Amino acid sequence: MTDAAAKIADLSFEDALARLETIVSRLESGQAPLEESITLYEEGARLKAHCEDRLKAAQLRVEKIVVGPDGSAKGVEPAEFG
């Protein structure tokens, strides 16, 4: 794992998203030179994948309450998304 990838892997979802927003803003401004734009785009792609992985992990931890025919809670099961 490269240093850049290791740093991204250590980021929380919120920190990764904030960095991604900064990168998008910089790229959209059109002020970054070509080489910097390429580097930012590559970092943004890694951050996007990291955020998606964090979201998937969070979804797996979410459970839904299963209600029986009488309206009482019967237990929990993994929530389904999408």
N, C-alpha and C. Protein backbone atom coordinates (compact mmCIF):
# COMPACT_ATOMS: atom_id res chain seq x y z
N MET A 1 0.85 -1.18 0.00
CA MET A 1 0.00 0.00 0.00
C MET A 1 0.89 1.24 0.00
N THR A 2 0.59 2.18 -0.88
CA THR A 2 1.38 3.41 -0.95
C THR A 2 1.05 4.31 0.24
N ASP A 3 1.89 5.29 0.46
CA ASP A 3 1.64 6.24 1.55
C ASP A 3 0.31 6.96 1.37
N ALA A 4 0.02 7.37 0.14
CA ALA A 4 -1.23 8.08 -0.14
C ALA A 4 -2.43 7.18 0.14
N ALA A 5 -2.34 5.92 -0.29
CA ALA A 5 -3.45 4.98 -0.06
C ALA A 5 -3.60 4.69 1.43
N ALA A 6 -2.49 4.59 2.14
CA ALA A 6 -2.55 4.35 3.59
C ALA A 6 -3.19 5.52 4.32
N LYS A 7 -2.86 6.74 3.89
CA LYS A 7 -3.45 7.92 4.51
C LYS A 7 -4.96 7.96 4.28
N ILE A 8 -5.38 7.62 3.08
CA ILE A 8 -6.82 7.60 2.77
C ILE A 8 -7.52 6.53 3.59
N ALA A 9 -6.91 5.36 3.71
CA ALA A 9 -7.51 4.25 4.45
C ALA A 9 -7.75 4.61 5.92
N ASP A 10 -6.94 5.53 6.45
CA ASP A 10 -7.09 5.93 7.85
C ASP A 10 -8.14 7.02 8.06
N LEU A 11 -8.65 7.60 6.98
CA LEU A 11 -9.61 8.69 7.10
C LEU A 11 -11.00 8.18 7.49
N SER A 12 -11.68 8.97 8.29
CA SER A 12 -13.09 8.69 8.56
C SER A 12 -13.88 9.03 7.30
N PHE A 13 -15.11 8.58 7.24
CA PHE A 13 -15.97 8.90 6.10
C PHE A 13 -16.09 10.41 5.95
N GLU A 14 -16.32 11.10 7.06
CA GLU A 14 -16.54 12.54 7.02
C GLU A 14 -15.29 13.29 6.53
N ASP A 15 -14.12 12.87 7.01
CA ASP A 15 -12.88 13.52 6.58
C ASP A 15 -12.59 13.26 5.10
N ALA A 16 -12.84 12.03 4.66
CA ALA A 16 -12.62 11.68 3.25
C ALA A 16 -13.58 12.47 2.36
N LEU A 17 -14.82 12.59 2.79
CA LEU A 17 -15.81 13.34 2.01
C LEU A 17 -15.44 14.82 1.93
N ALA A 18 -14.98 15.37 3.04
CA ALA A 18 -14.57 16.78 3.05
C ALA A 18 -13.40 17.00 2.10
N ARG A 19 -12.43 16.11 2.10
CA ARG A 19 -11.29 16.23 1.19
C ARG A 19 -11.76 16.09 -0.25
N LEU A 20 -12.67 15.16 -0.50
CA LEU A 20 -13.20 14.97 -1.85
C LEU A 20 -13.92 16.23 -2.33
N GLU A 21 -14.68 16.86 -1.45
CA GLU A 21 -15.37 18.10 -1.81
C GLU A 21 -14.37 19.21 -2.15
N THR A 22 -13.27 19.28 -1.41
CA THR A 22 -12.22 20.26 -1.69
C THR A 22 -11.62 20.02 -3.06
N ILE A 23 -11.36 18.75 -3.38
CA ILE A 23 -10.78 18.39 -4.68
C ILE A 23 -11.73 18.76 -5.81
N VAL A 24 -13.00 18.41 -5.65
CA VAL A 24 -13.99 18.73 -6.69
C VAL A 24 -14.06 20.23 -6.91
N SER A 25 -14.07 20.98 -5.85
CA SER A 25 -14.12 22.44 -5.95
C SER A 25 -12.91 22.97 -6.70
N ARG A 26 -11.74 22.44 -6.38
CA ARG A 26 -10.51 22.89 -7.04
C ARG A 26 -10.54 22.55 -8.53
N LEU A 27 -10.99 21.33 -8.85
CA LEU A 27 -11.06 20.93 -10.26
C LEU A 27 -12.10 21.74 -11.03
N GLU A 28 -13.24 22.00 -10.40
CA GLU A 28 -14.29 22.76 -11.07
C GLU A 28 -13.90 24.21 -11.30
N SER A 29 -13.01 24.72 -10.47
CA SER A 29 -12.59 26.12 -10.63
C SER A 29 -11.78 26.32 -11.91
N GLY A 30 -11.16 25.25 -12.39
CA GLY A 30 -10.35 25.34 -13.60
C GLY A 30 -9.02 26.03 -13.38
N GLN A 31 -8.67 26.28 -12.14
CA GLN A 31 -7.43 27.01 -11.83
C GLN A 31 -6.22 26.10 -11.65
N ALA A 32 -6.44 24.80 -11.54
CA ALA A 32 -5.31 23.88 -11.32
C ALA A 32 -4.62 23.58 -12.64
N PRO A 33 -3.30 23.60 -12.65
CA PRO A 33 -2.56 23.21 -13.86
C PRO A 33 -2.85 21.74 -14.18
N LEU A 34 -2.56 21.33 -15.40
CA LEU A 34 -2.89 19.99 -15.87
C LEU A 34 -2.34 18.90 -14.96
N GLU A 35 -1.06 18.94 -14.63
CA GLU A 35 -0.46 17.88 -13.79
C GLU A 35 -1.13 17.81 -12.42
N GLU A 36 -1.40 18.96 -11.83
CA GLU A 36 -2.07 18.98 -10.54
C GLU A 36 -3.49 18.43 -10.68
N SER A 37 -4.17 18.77 -11.77
CA SER A 37 -5.53 18.27 -12.00
C SER A 37 -5.54 16.76 -12.09
N ILE A 38 -4.56 16.19 -12.76
CA ILE A 38 -4.47 14.73 -12.89
C ILE A 38 -4.25 14.10 -11.52
N THR A 39 -3.33 14.68 -10.75
CA THR A 39 -3.05 14.16 -9.40
C THR A 39 -4.28 14.27 -8.51
N LEU A 40 -4.96 15.40 -8.58
CA LEU A 40 -6.19 15.58 -7.79
C LEU A 40 -7.27 14.60 -8.21
N TYR A 41 -7.41 14.39 -9.51
CA TYR A 41 -8.42 13.45 -10.00
C TYR A 41 -8.13 12.04 -9.48
N GLU A 42 -6.88 11.63 -9.51
CA GLU A 42 -6.52 10.30 -9.02
C GLU A 42 -6.80 10.17 -7.52
N GLU A 43 -6.46 11.19 -6.76
CA GLU A 43 -6.75 11.17 -5.33
C GLU A 43 -8.26 11.14 -5.10
N GLY A 44 -8.99 11.92 -5.89
CA GLY A 44 -10.45 11.93 -5.77
C GLY A 44 -11.07 10.57 -6.04
N ALA A 45 -10.54 9.86 -7.02
CA ALA A 45 -11.05 8.52 -7.33
C ALA A 45 -10.81 7.57 -6.15
N ARG A 46 -9.63 7.68 -5.53
CA ARG A 46 -9.35 6.83 -4.35
C ARG A 46 -10.26 7.21 -3.19
N LEU A 47 -10.48 8.50 -2.99
CA LEU A 47 -11.36 8.95 -1.91
C LEU A 47 -12.80 8.48 -2.15
N LYS A 48 -13.26 8.55 -3.38
CA LYS A 48 -14.62 8.10 -3.71
C LYS A 48 -14.78 6.63 -3.38
N ALA A 49 -13.81 5.82 -3.77
CA ALA A 49 -13.87 4.38 -3.47
C ALA A 49 -13.85 4.14 -1.96
N HIS A 50 -13.05 4.91 -1.25
CA HIS A 50 -12.97 4.78 0.21
C HIS A 50 -14.32 5.12 0.85
N CYS A 51 -14.94 6.21 0.40
CA CYS A 51 -16.25 6.60 0.94
C CYS A 51 -17.30 5.54 0.65
N GLU A 52 -17.28 4.98 -0.56
CA GLU A 52 -18.23 3.92 -0.90
C GLU A 52 -18.03 2.70 -0.01
N ASP A 53 -16.78 2.33 0.26
CA ASP A 53 -16.49 1.20 1.14
C ASP A 53 -16.99 1.46 2.55
N ARG A 54 -16.77 2.67 3.03
CA ARG A 54 -17.24 3.03 4.38
C ARG A 54 -18.76 2.97 4.46
N LEU A 55 -19.45 3.43 3.42
CA LEU A 55 -20.92 3.38 3.41
C LEU A 55 -21.42 1.95 3.39
N LYS A 56 -20.79 1.09 2.58
CA LYS A 56 -21.20 -0.31 2.53
C LYS A 56 -21.02 -0.98 3.89
N ALA A 57 -19.91 -0.68 4.55
CA ALA A 57 -19.67 -1.25 5.88
C ALA A 57 -20.74 -0.78 6.87
N ALA A 58 -21.11 0.50 6.78
CA ALA A 58 -22.14 1.03 7.67
C ALA A 58 -23.49 0.37 7.39
N GLN A 59 -23.81 0.16 6.12
CA GLN A 59 -25.08 -0.47 5.77
C GLN A 59 -25.16 -1.89 6.32
N LEU A 60 -24.06 -2.60 6.33
CA LEU A 60 -24.06 -3.96 6.85
C LEU A 60 -24.30 -3.99 8.35
N ARG A 61 -23.97 -2.89 9.02
CA ARG A 61 -24.16 -2.84 10.46
C ARG A 61 -25.57 -2.42 10.86
N VAL A 62 -26.32 -1.88 9.93
CA VAL A 62 -27.67 -1.44 10.22
C VAL A 62 -28.61 -2.65 10.20
N GLU A 63 -29.46 -2.72 11.17
CA GLU A 63 -30.43 -3.80 11.23
C GLU A 63 -31.83 -3.22 11.26
N LYS A 64 -32.77 -4.00 10.76
CA LYS A 64 -34.16 -3.56 10.85
C LYS A 64 -34.91 -4.47 11.82
N ILE A 65 -35.88 -3.89 12.46
CA ILE A 65 -36.69 -4.64 13.41
C ILE A 65 -37.75 -5.41 12.65
N VAL A 66 -37.87 -6.68 12.95
CA VAL A 66 -38.88 -7.52 12.31
C VAL A 66 -40.10 -7.55 13.24
N VAL A 67 -41.25 -7.19 12.67
CA VAL A 67 -42.49 -7.14 13.44
C VAL A 67 -43.36 -8.34 13.06
N GLY A 68 -43.86 -9.00 14.08
CA GLY A 68 -44.72 -10.15 13.86
C GLY A 68 -46.14 -9.73 13.50
N PRO A 69 -47.00 -10.70 13.14
CA PRO A 69 -48.38 -10.41 12.75
C PRO A 69 -49.18 -9.70 13.84
N ASP A 70 -48.80 -9.90 15.08
CA ASP A 70 -49.52 -9.25 16.17
C ASP A 70 -48.98 -7.84 16.47
N GLY A 71 -47.99 -7.39 15.70
CA GLY A 71 -47.45 -6.05 15.87
C GLY A 71 -46.30 -5.96 16.85
N SER A 72 -45.94 -7.07 17.47
CA SER A 72 -44.83 -7.02 18.41
C SER A 72 -43.50 -7.32 17.71
N ALA A 73 -42.43 -6.80 18.27
CA ALA A 73 -41.11 -7.03 17.69
C ALA A 73 -40.72 -8.49 17.89
N LYS A 74 -40.27 -9.11 16.81
CA LYS A 74 -39.87 -10.53 16.88
C LYS A 74 -38.37 -10.70 16.81
N GLY A 75 -37.63 -9.64 16.52
CA GLY A 75 -36.18 -9.72 16.42
C GLY A 75 -35.67 -8.73 15.41
N VAL A 76 -34.46 -8.95 14.95
CA VAL A 76 -33.86 -8.07 13.97
C VAL A 76 -33.23 -8.90 12.86
N GLU A 77 -33.08 -8.28 11.70
CA GLU A 77 -32.39 -8.90 10.58
C GLU A 77 -31.66 -7.81 9.82
N PRO A 78 -30.70 -8.19 9.00
CA PRO A 78 -29.96 -7.15 8.25
C PRO A 78 -30.90 -6.33 7.37
N ALA A 79 -30.67 -5.05 7.34
CA ALA A 79 -31.47 -4.16 6.50
C ALA A 79 -31.06 -4.34 5.05
N GLU A 80 -32.01 -4.20 4.15
CA GLU A 80 -31.73 -4.28 2.72
C GLU A 80 -31.81 -2.89 2.12
N PHE A 81 -30.81 -2.55 1.32
CA PHE A 81 -30.76 -1.24 0.69
C PHE A 81 -30.70 -1.41 -0.81
N GLY A 82 -31.35 -0.53 -1.51
CA GLY A 82 -31.22 -0.49 -2.96
C GLY A 82 -32.21 -1.29 -3.65
